[in-house]
Amino acid sequence: MNFNGIIIGAAVFLSIGICHPLVIKMEYRWGKQSWWIWLAAGLSFCAVSLFLENDILSIIIGGFAFCCLWGIYEMFLQEKRVLRGWFPENPARHGYYERRRKELEGKQ
C-alpha cells in the first residue's frame, strides 16, 4: 500500500486549517497591511521545498508555501468581510474601518 497521497492530503488539509484562522487573526490585529508576512513566508517555504531531498516533505512544504501565498488574497477578502459586518472589527482600528466604508460608499 502507498500512503503518500493520504499523508500529503492530510498535511495540506492541516495547512489550510492553520492558515485560515491566522488570516482572520492577523487582519484583526494589524489589518491587510500585514499581507507581506504571507508573501515572505510563502516565498521562504517555496525556497525550502526546492532544496529538500525527501519528495514527500518537499511536496508538503511546497503545499504549505502556496497556502501562505493564498493567504495574501484571503487577507484582502477578510477586510471586505469585516467591512460587511461578517466578522468583528478591531475596536482600536474603528476609525480606519469607517474611512474605508466611506471610500467604498463614494465609489458606488
C-alpha atoms as a PDB file:
ATOM      1  CA  MET A   1       0.000   0.000   0.000  1.00  0.00           C
ATOM      2  CA  ASN A   2       1.087   3.545  -0.737  1.00  0.00           C
ATOM      3  CA  PHE A   3       0.129   6.062   1.936  1.00  0.00           C
ATOM      4  CA  ASN A   4       1.879   9.036   0.317  1.00  0.00           C
ATOM      5  CA  GLY A   5      -1.334  10.541  -1.061  1.00  0.00           C
ATOM      6  CA  ILE A   6      -3.087  10.259   2.311  1.00  0.00           C
ATOM      7  CA  ILE A   7      -0.110  11.818   4.105  1.00  0.00           C
ATOM      8  CA  ILE A   8       0.146  14.704   1.642  1.00  0.00           C
ATOM      9  CA  GLY A   9      -3.618  15.262   1.620  1.00  0.00           C
ATOM     10  CA  ALA A  10      -3.753  15.374   5.419  1.00  0.00           C
ATOM     11  CA  ALA A  11      -0.806  17.789   5.527  1.00  0.00           C
ATOM     12  CA  VAL A  12      -2.409  20.163   3.016  1.00  0.00           C
ATOM     13  CA  PHE A  13      -5.705  19.943   4.900  1.00  0.00           C
ATOM     14  CA  LEU A  14      -3.902  20.902   8.124  1.00  0.00           C
ATOM     15  CA  SER A  15      -2.088  23.720   6.302  1.00  0.00           C
ATOM     16  CA  ILE A  16      -5.382  25.217   5.196  1.00  0.00           C
ATOM     17  CA  GLY A  17      -6.755  24.726   8.712  1.00  0.00           C
ATOM     18  CA  ILE A  18      -3.787  26.617  10.148  1.00  0.00           C
ATOM     19  CA  CYS A  19      -3.684  29.437   7.603  1.00  0.00           C
ATOM     20  CA  HIS A  20      -7.367  30.410   7.620  1.00  0.00           C
ATOM     21  CA  PRO A  21      -7.588  31.306  11.329  1.00  0.00           C
ATOM     22  CA  LEU A  22      -4.221  33.069  11.080  1.00  0.00           C
ATOM     23  CA  VAL A  23      -5.541  35.281   8.285  1.00  0.00           C
ATOM     24  CA  ILE A  24      -8.515  36.247  10.459  1.00  0.00           C
ATOM     25  CA  LYS A  25      -6.337  36.994  13.488  1.00  0.00           C
ATOM     26  CA  MET A  26      -3.722  38.931  11.510  1.00  0.00           C
ATOM     27  CA  GLU A  27      -6.329  41.094   9.801  1.00  0.00           C
ATOM     28  CA  TYR A  28      -7.962  41.762  13.170  1.00  0.00           C
ATOM     29  CA  ARG A  29      -4.699  42.804  14.835  1.00  0.00           C
ATOM     30  CA  TRP A  30      -2.738  44.508  12.038  1.00  0.00           C
ATOM     31  CA  GLY A  31      -5.087  44.862   9.085  1.00  0.00           C
ATOM     32  CA  LYS A  32      -4.451  43.937   5.490  1.00  0.00           C
ATOM     33  CA  GLN A  33      -1.101  45.749   5.615  1.00  0.00           C
ATOM     34  CA  SER A  34       0.343  42.531   7.044  1.00  0.00           C
ATOM     35  CA  TRP A  35      -0.004  40.784   3.664  1.00  0.00           C
ATOM     36  CA  TRP A  36       3.760  40.967   3.169  1.00  0.00           C
ATOM     37  CA  ILE A  37       4.243  38.482   6.033  1.00  0.00           C
ATOM     38  CA  TRP A  38       2.312  35.915   3.980  1.00  0.00           C
ATOM     39  CA  LEU A  39       4.455  36.741   0.947  1.00  0.00           C
ATOM     40  CA  ALA A  40       7.706  36.330   2.885  1.00  0.00           C
ATOM     41  CA  ALA A  41       6.535  33.045   4.416  1.00  0.00           C
ATOM     42  CA  GLY A  42       5.291  31.693   1.085  1.00  0.00           C
ATOM     43  CA  LEU A  43       8.492  32.530  -0.775  1.00  0.00           C
ATOM     44  CA  SER A  44      10.618  31.152   2.065  1.00  0.00           C
ATOM     45  CA  PHE A  45       8.743  27.857   2.129  1.00  0.00           C
ATOM     46  CA  CYS A  46       8.969  27.660  -1.686  1.00  0.00           C
ATOM     47  CA  ALA A  47      12.740  28.065  -1.474  1.00  0.00           C
ATOM     48  CA  VAL A  48      12.997  25.441   1.268  1.00  0.00           C
ATOM     49  CA  SER A  49      10.922  22.941  -0.710  1.00  0.00           C
ATOM     50  CA  LEU A  50      13.303  23.268  -3.672  1.00  0.00           C
ATOM     51  CA  PHE A  51      16.245  22.010  -1.657  1.00  0.00           C
ATOM     52  CA  LEU A  52      14.669  19.107   0.226  1.00  0.00           C
ATOM     53  CA  GLU A  53      15.668  15.670  -0.988  1.00  0.00           C
ATOM     54  CA  ASN A  54      12.677  13.886   0.537  1.00  0.00           C
ATOM     55  CA  ASP A  55       9.887  14.104  -2.042  1.00  0.00           C
ATOM     56  CA  ILE A  56       7.007  13.854   0.396  1.00  0.00           C
ATOM     57  CA  LEU A  57       8.420  16.527   2.692  1.00  0.00           C
ATOM     58  CA  SER A  58       9.174  18.764  -0.293  1.00  0.00           C
ATOM     59  CA  ILE A  59       5.588  18.419  -1.520  1.00  0.00           C
ATOM     60  CA  ILE A  60       4.173  19.148   1.932  1.00  0.00           C
ATOM     61  CA  ILE A  61       6.357  22.236   2.401  1.00  0.00           C
ATOM     62  CA  GLY A  62       5.508  23.381  -1.144  1.00  0.00           C
ATOM     63  CA  GLY A  63       1.806  22.946  -0.403  1.00  0.00           C
ATOM     64  CA  PHE A  64       2.179  24.990   2.766  1.00  0.00           C
ATOM     65  CA  ALA A  65       4.040  27.639   0.747  1.00  0.00           C
ATOM     66  CA  PHE A  66       1.112  28.048  -1.600  1.00  0.00           C
ATOM     67  CA  CYS A  67      -1.342  28.139   1.310  1.00  0.00           C
ATOM     68  CA  CYS A  68       0.698  31.090   2.588  1.00  0.00           C
ATOM     69  CA  LEU A  69       0.633  32.754  -0.817  1.00  0.00           C
ATOM     70  CA  TRP A  70      -3.134  32.242  -0.981  1.00  0.00           C
ATOM     71  CA  GLY A  71      -3.254  33.930   2.434  1.00  0.00           C
ATOM     72  CA  ILE A  72      -2.336  37.209   0.709  1.00  0.00           C
ATOM     73  CA  TYR A  73      -5.551  37.079  -1.299  1.00  0.00           C
ATOM     74  CA  GLU A  74      -7.546  35.999   1.744  1.00  0.00           C
ATOM     75  CA  MET A  75      -6.160  38.927   3.748  1.00  0.00           C
ATOM     76  CA  PHE A  76      -7.761  41.407   1.326  1.00  0.00           C
ATOM     77  CA  LEU A  77     -11.009  39.413   1.279  1.00  0.00           C
ATOM     78  CA  GLN A  78     -11.038  39.310   5.072  1.00  0.00           C
ATOM     79  CA  GLU A  79     -11.027  43.096   5.242  1.00  0.00           C
ATOM     80  CA  LYS A  80     -14.075  43.133   2.968  1.00  0.00           C
ATOM     81  CA  ARG A  81     -15.794  40.600   5.218  1.00  0.00           C
ATOM     82  CA  VAL A  82     -15.123  42.819   8.233  1.00  0.00           C
ATOM     83  CA  LEU A  83     -16.429  45.885   6.399  1.00  0.00           C
ATOM     84  CA  ARG A  84     -19.633  43.986   5.578  1.00  0.00           C
ATOM     85  CA  GLY A  85     -20.050  43.059   9.240  1.00  0.00           C
ATOM     86  CA  TRP A  86     -19.488  39.345   8.752  1.00  0.00           C
ATOM     87  CA  PHE A  87     -16.527  39.366  11.162  1.00  0.00           C
ATOM     88  CA  PRO A  88     -15.838  41.582  14.184  1.00  0.00           C
ATOM     89  CA  GLU A  89     -13.658  44.629  13.685  1.00  0.00           C
ATOM     90  CA  ASN A  90     -10.832  45.592  15.981  1.00  0.00           C
ATOM     91  CA  PRO A  91     -12.120  48.489  18.115  1.00  0.00           C
ATOM     92  CA  ALA A  92      -8.647  50.032  18.083  1.00  0.00           C
ATOM     93  CA  ARG A  93      -8.903  50.323  14.292  1.00  0.00           C
ATOM     94  CA  HIS A  94     -12.521  51.549  14.134  1.00  0.00           C
ATOM     95  CA  GLY A  95     -11.530  54.860  12.515  1.00  0.00           C
ATOM     96  CA  TYR A  96      -9.765  53.025   9.713  1.00  0.00           C
ATOM     97  CA  TYR A  97     -12.795  50.866   9.012  1.00  0.00           C
ATOM     98  CA  GLU A  98     -15.080  53.898   8.978  1.00  0.00           C
ATOM     99  CA  ARG A  99     -12.833  55.659   6.437  1.00  0.00           C
ATOM    100  CA  ARG A 100     -12.797  52.528   4.266  1.00  0.00           C
ATOM    101  CA  ARG A 101     -16.596  52.281   4.419  1.00  0.00           C
ATOM    102  CA  LYS A 102     -16.933  55.926   3.328  1.00  0.00           C
ATOM    103  CA  GLU A 103     -14.450  55.352   0.483  1.00  0.00           C
ATOM    104  CA  LEU A 104     -16.439  52.363  -0.711  1.00  0.00           C
ATOM    105  CA  GLU A 105     -19.741  54.265  -0.485  1.00  0.00           C
ATOM    106  CA  GLY A 106     -18.241  57.038  -2.606  1.00  0.00           C
ATOM    107  CA  LYS A 107     -17.322  54.581  -5.348  1.00  0.00           C
ATOM    108  CA  GLN A 108     -20.884  53.307  -5.690  1.00  0.00           C
END
